Amino acid sequence: MRKIEISTSVTVYTDVSELSSEDKMLMDKAVEARKKAYAPYSKFKVGAALLLENNQIVLGNNQENAAYPSGMCAERVAIWKAGSEFPGVKILKLVISASSSITKVERPVGPCGACRQSLSEYEIKQKQPFEVLFMGELGEIVKTASLLSLLPFSFDSSYL
C-alpha cells in the first residue's frame, strides 16, 4: 500500500478590484453573460467567458429546461461554442460568475463535476493548461492555473 497526497494551489482575491485589467474585463463579460441566462426554475444564473489565444472572447450562460436535466451549464455552452466556432484555437482562460434571485451568492462558485469533466477534455487536447477564475455574485474570486487542478484523477481518452 502507498499513500498519495494530492494538493492544489489557488490564489484568492478579496474582490474584483484586485484582478488584473484583463481578468476584470473577462469577469465583467461573464457577469454580462450571467445576466442573460435562462434560469426560470432554479433562479440560479451562471455566466462564463473564455479567452482564446486568438484574442476572441466566447460567452456562455446556463440554459434551463422544464424537462430536467435537459438544460446546460454556462461553462459547457461556452466551451462547445468555442469548439464549434474556433476549432483548434487554444483556450487561455475561463472566467465564471454566478448569482441567484433567491439569495446573494457571496462565495466563489466553481464548475460542477460534469463541466469539470467536459472542460478537462479541452485542456488535455490542447496540451496546455488554462487558468480558471470563479466567483459568486460578489466577494472573493478563486484563480487556478489549470482546470485539471480542480479535477485530480481525471478521466480521459487514454482509458478508452
Protein backbone atom coordinates (compact mmCIF):
# COMPACT_ATOMS: atom_id res chain seq x y z
CA MET A 1 0.00 0.00 0.00
CA ARG A 2 1.12 3.53 -0.64
CA LYS A 3 -0.33 6.83 0.27
CA ILE A 4 -0.51 9.65 -2.27
CA GLU A 5 -1.06 13.19 -1.18
CA ILE A 6 -2.81 15.47 -3.65
CA SER A 7 -2.65 19.20 -3.24
CA THR A 8 -3.55 22.17 -5.32
CA SER A 9 -2.72 25.82 -5.13
CA VAL A 10 -5.14 28.66 -5.75
CA THR A 11 -4.98 32.40 -5.48
CA VAL A 12 -7.89 34.05 -3.69
CA TYR A 13 -8.67 37.68 -4.42
CA THR A 14 -10.80 39.70 -1.99
CA ASP A 15 -12.86 41.22 -4.81
CA VAL A 16 -12.67 42.21 -8.47
CA SER A 17 -10.67 45.36 -7.71
CA GLU A 18 -7.62 43.12 -7.09
CA LEU A 19 -7.79 41.45 -10.51
CA SER A 20 -5.58 42.38 -13.45
CA SER A 21 -7.28 44.58 -16.02
CA GLU A 22 -7.64 41.58 -18.38
CA ASP A 23 -9.15 39.36 -15.69
CA LYS A 24 -11.52 42.12 -14.58
CA MET A 25 -12.66 42.67 -18.17
CA LEU A 26 -13.29 38.93 -18.56
CA MET A 27 -15.20 38.84 -15.27
CA ASP A 28 -17.32 41.75 -16.50
CA LYS A 29 -18.06 39.72 -19.64
CA ALA A 30 -19.00 36.68 -17.54
CA VAL A 31 -21.35 38.88 -15.47
CA GLU A 32 -22.94 40.20 -18.69
CA ALA A 33 -23.45 36.64 -19.89
CA ARG A 34 -24.82 35.61 -16.48
CA LYS A 35 -27.48 38.31 -16.62
CA LYS A 36 -28.77 36.80 -19.89
CA ALA A 37 -29.00 33.25 -18.53
CA TYR A 38 -32.28 31.38 -18.79
CA ALA A 39 -32.90 30.04 -15.28
CA PRO A 40 -36.63 30.25 -14.54
CA TYR A 41 -36.63 27.09 -12.39
CA SER A 42 -33.54 27.25 -10.21
CA LYS A 43 -33.28 31.06 -10.22
CA PHE A 44 -29.50 30.41 -10.26
CA LYS A 45 -27.76 32.19 -13.13
CA VAL A 46 -24.23 31.47 -14.29
CA GLY A 47 -22.16 33.23 -16.91
CA ALA A 48 -18.86 32.13 -18.43
CA ALA A 49 -16.28 33.90 -20.57
CA LEU A 50 -13.47 32.13 -22.40
CA LEU A 51 -10.41 33.96 -23.66
CA LEU A 52 -8.91 32.22 -26.68
CA GLU A 53 -5.35 32.52 -27.98
CA ASN A 54 -6.65 34.48 -31.00
CA ASN A 55 -7.99 37.09 -28.52
CA GLN A 56 -11.61 36.13 -29.19
CA ILE A 57 -13.88 36.04 -26.16
CA VAL A 58 -16.59 33.38 -26.18
CA LEU A 59 -19.51 33.71 -23.78
CA GLY A 60 -21.93 31.17 -22.38
CA ASN A 61 -24.69 31.08 -19.82
CA ASN A 62 -26.81 28.38 -18.29
CA GLN A 63 -29.94 27.36 -20.17
CA GLU A 64 -32.56 25.51 -18.14
CA ASN A 65 -35.40 23.36 -19.36
CA ALA A 66 -38.56 22.14 -17.65
CA ALA A 67 -37.53 18.61 -18.61
CA TYR A 68 -34.64 18.31 -16.14
CA PRO A 69 -31.79 17.55 -16.79
CA SER A 70 -32.10 18.75 -20.38
CA GLY A 71 -30.60 22.15 -19.61
CA MET A 72 -26.95 23.08 -19.98
CA CYS A 73 -24.39 24.79 -17.77
CA ALA A 74 -22.74 28.07 -18.81
CA GLU A 75 -19.25 26.56 -18.95
CA ARG A 76 -20.26 23.82 -21.38
CA VAL A 77 -22.26 26.24 -23.52
CA ALA A 78 -19.13 28.42 -23.82
CA ILE A 79 -16.62 25.60 -24.38
CA TRP A 80 -18.72 23.89 -27.04
CA LYS A 81 -19.42 27.22 -28.73
CA ALA A 82 -15.66 27.88 -28.81
CA GLY A 83 -15.01 24.39 -30.17
CA SER A 84 -17.63 24.92 -32.86
CA GLU A 85 -16.69 28.44 -33.90
CA PHE A 86 -12.92 28.28 -33.34
CA PRO A 87 -11.80 24.64 -33.70
CA GLY A 88 -8.19 24.09 -32.75
CA VAL A 89 -7.79 27.53 -31.12
CA LYS A 90 -6.39 27.18 -27.61
CA ILE A 91 -8.19 28.40 -24.53
CA LEU A 92 -6.17 30.69 -22.27
CA LYS A 93 -8.69 31.48 -19.52
CA LEU A 94 -12.14 30.57 -18.29
CA VAL A 95 -13.94 33.06 -16.05
CA ILE A 96 -17.21 32.25 -14.23
CA SER A 97 -19.72 34.29 -12.24
CA ALA A 98 -22.89 33.04 -10.53
CA SER A 99 -25.87 34.70 -8.87
CA SER A 100 -29.29 33.82 -7.54
CA SER A 101 -32.52 35.78 -7.43
CA ILE A 102 -33.33 33.98 -4.16
CA THR A 103 -30.21 34.81 -2.14
CA LYS A 104 -26.91 36.68 -2.50
CA VAL A 105 -24.14 34.39 -3.73
CA GLU A 106 -21.12 35.64 -1.81
CA ARG A 107 -18.88 32.57 -2.17
CA PRO A 108 -16.94 31.52 -5.27
CA VAL A 109 -18.88 29.03 -7.41
CA GLY A 110 -16.63 26.64 -9.32
CA PRO A 111 -17.65 24.45 -12.25
CA CYS A 112 -19.86 21.45 -11.46
CA GLY A 113 -18.47 17.94 -11.89
CA ALA A 114 -19.91 17.46 -15.39
CA CYS A 115 -18.39 20.76 -16.52
CA ARG A 116 -15.02 19.90 -14.97
CA GLN A 117 -15.01 16.65 -16.95
CA SER A 118 -16.00 18.35 -20.20
CA LEU A 119 -13.54 21.20 -19.72
CA SER A 120 -10.72 18.81 -18.88
CA GLU A 121 -11.08 17.22 -22.31
CA TYR A 122 -10.21 20.55 -23.92
CA GLU A 123 -7.27 21.22 -21.63
CA ILE A 124 -5.86 17.76 -22.29
CA LYS A 125 -6.50 18.06 -26.04
CA GLN A 126 -4.70 21.39 -26.31
CA LYS A 127 -1.75 20.11 -24.23
CA GLN A 128 -1.66 23.41 -22.38
CA PRO A 129 -3.35 24.41 -19.14
CA PHE A 130 -5.80 27.28 -18.98
CA GLU A 131 -6.49 29.45 -15.99
CA VAL A 132 -9.87 29.28 -14.28
CA LEU A 133 -11.29 32.16 -12.25
CA PHE A 134 -14.62 31.90 -10.47
CA MET A 135 -16.75 33.93 -8.13
CA GLY A 136 -20.29 34.29 -6.93
CA GLU A 137 -22.20 37.50 -7.41
CA LEU A 138 -19.76 39.42 -5.26
CA GLY A 139 -16.90 38.81 -2.88
CA GLU A 140 -13.89 36.57 -3.29
CA ILE A 141 -12.56 35.25 -6.58
CA VAL A 142 -10.63 31.98 -6.82
CA LYS A 143 -7.98 31.59 -9.52
CA THR A 144 -6.32 28.33 -10.50
CA ALA A 145 -3.52 27.85 -13.02
CA SER A 146 -5.21 24.84 -14.60
CA LEU A 147 -8.61 23.24 -14.94
CA LEU A 148 -7.05 19.87 -14.11
CA SER A 149 -6.05 21.19 -10.68
CA LEU A 150 -9.80 21.15 -9.94
CA LEU A 151 -10.15 17.55 -11.13
CA PRO A 152 -7.46 15.21 -9.85
CA PHE A 153 -7.52 11.72 -11.36
CA SER A 154 -9.41 12.96 -14.39
CA PHE A 155 -10.87 10.52 -16.89
CA ASP A 156 -9.70 11.00 -20.46
CA SER A 157 -9.40 9.22 -23.79
CA SER A 158 -6.28 7.33 -22.65
CA TYR A 159 -8.61 4.98 -20.74
CA LEU A 160 -10.64 4.09 -23.81
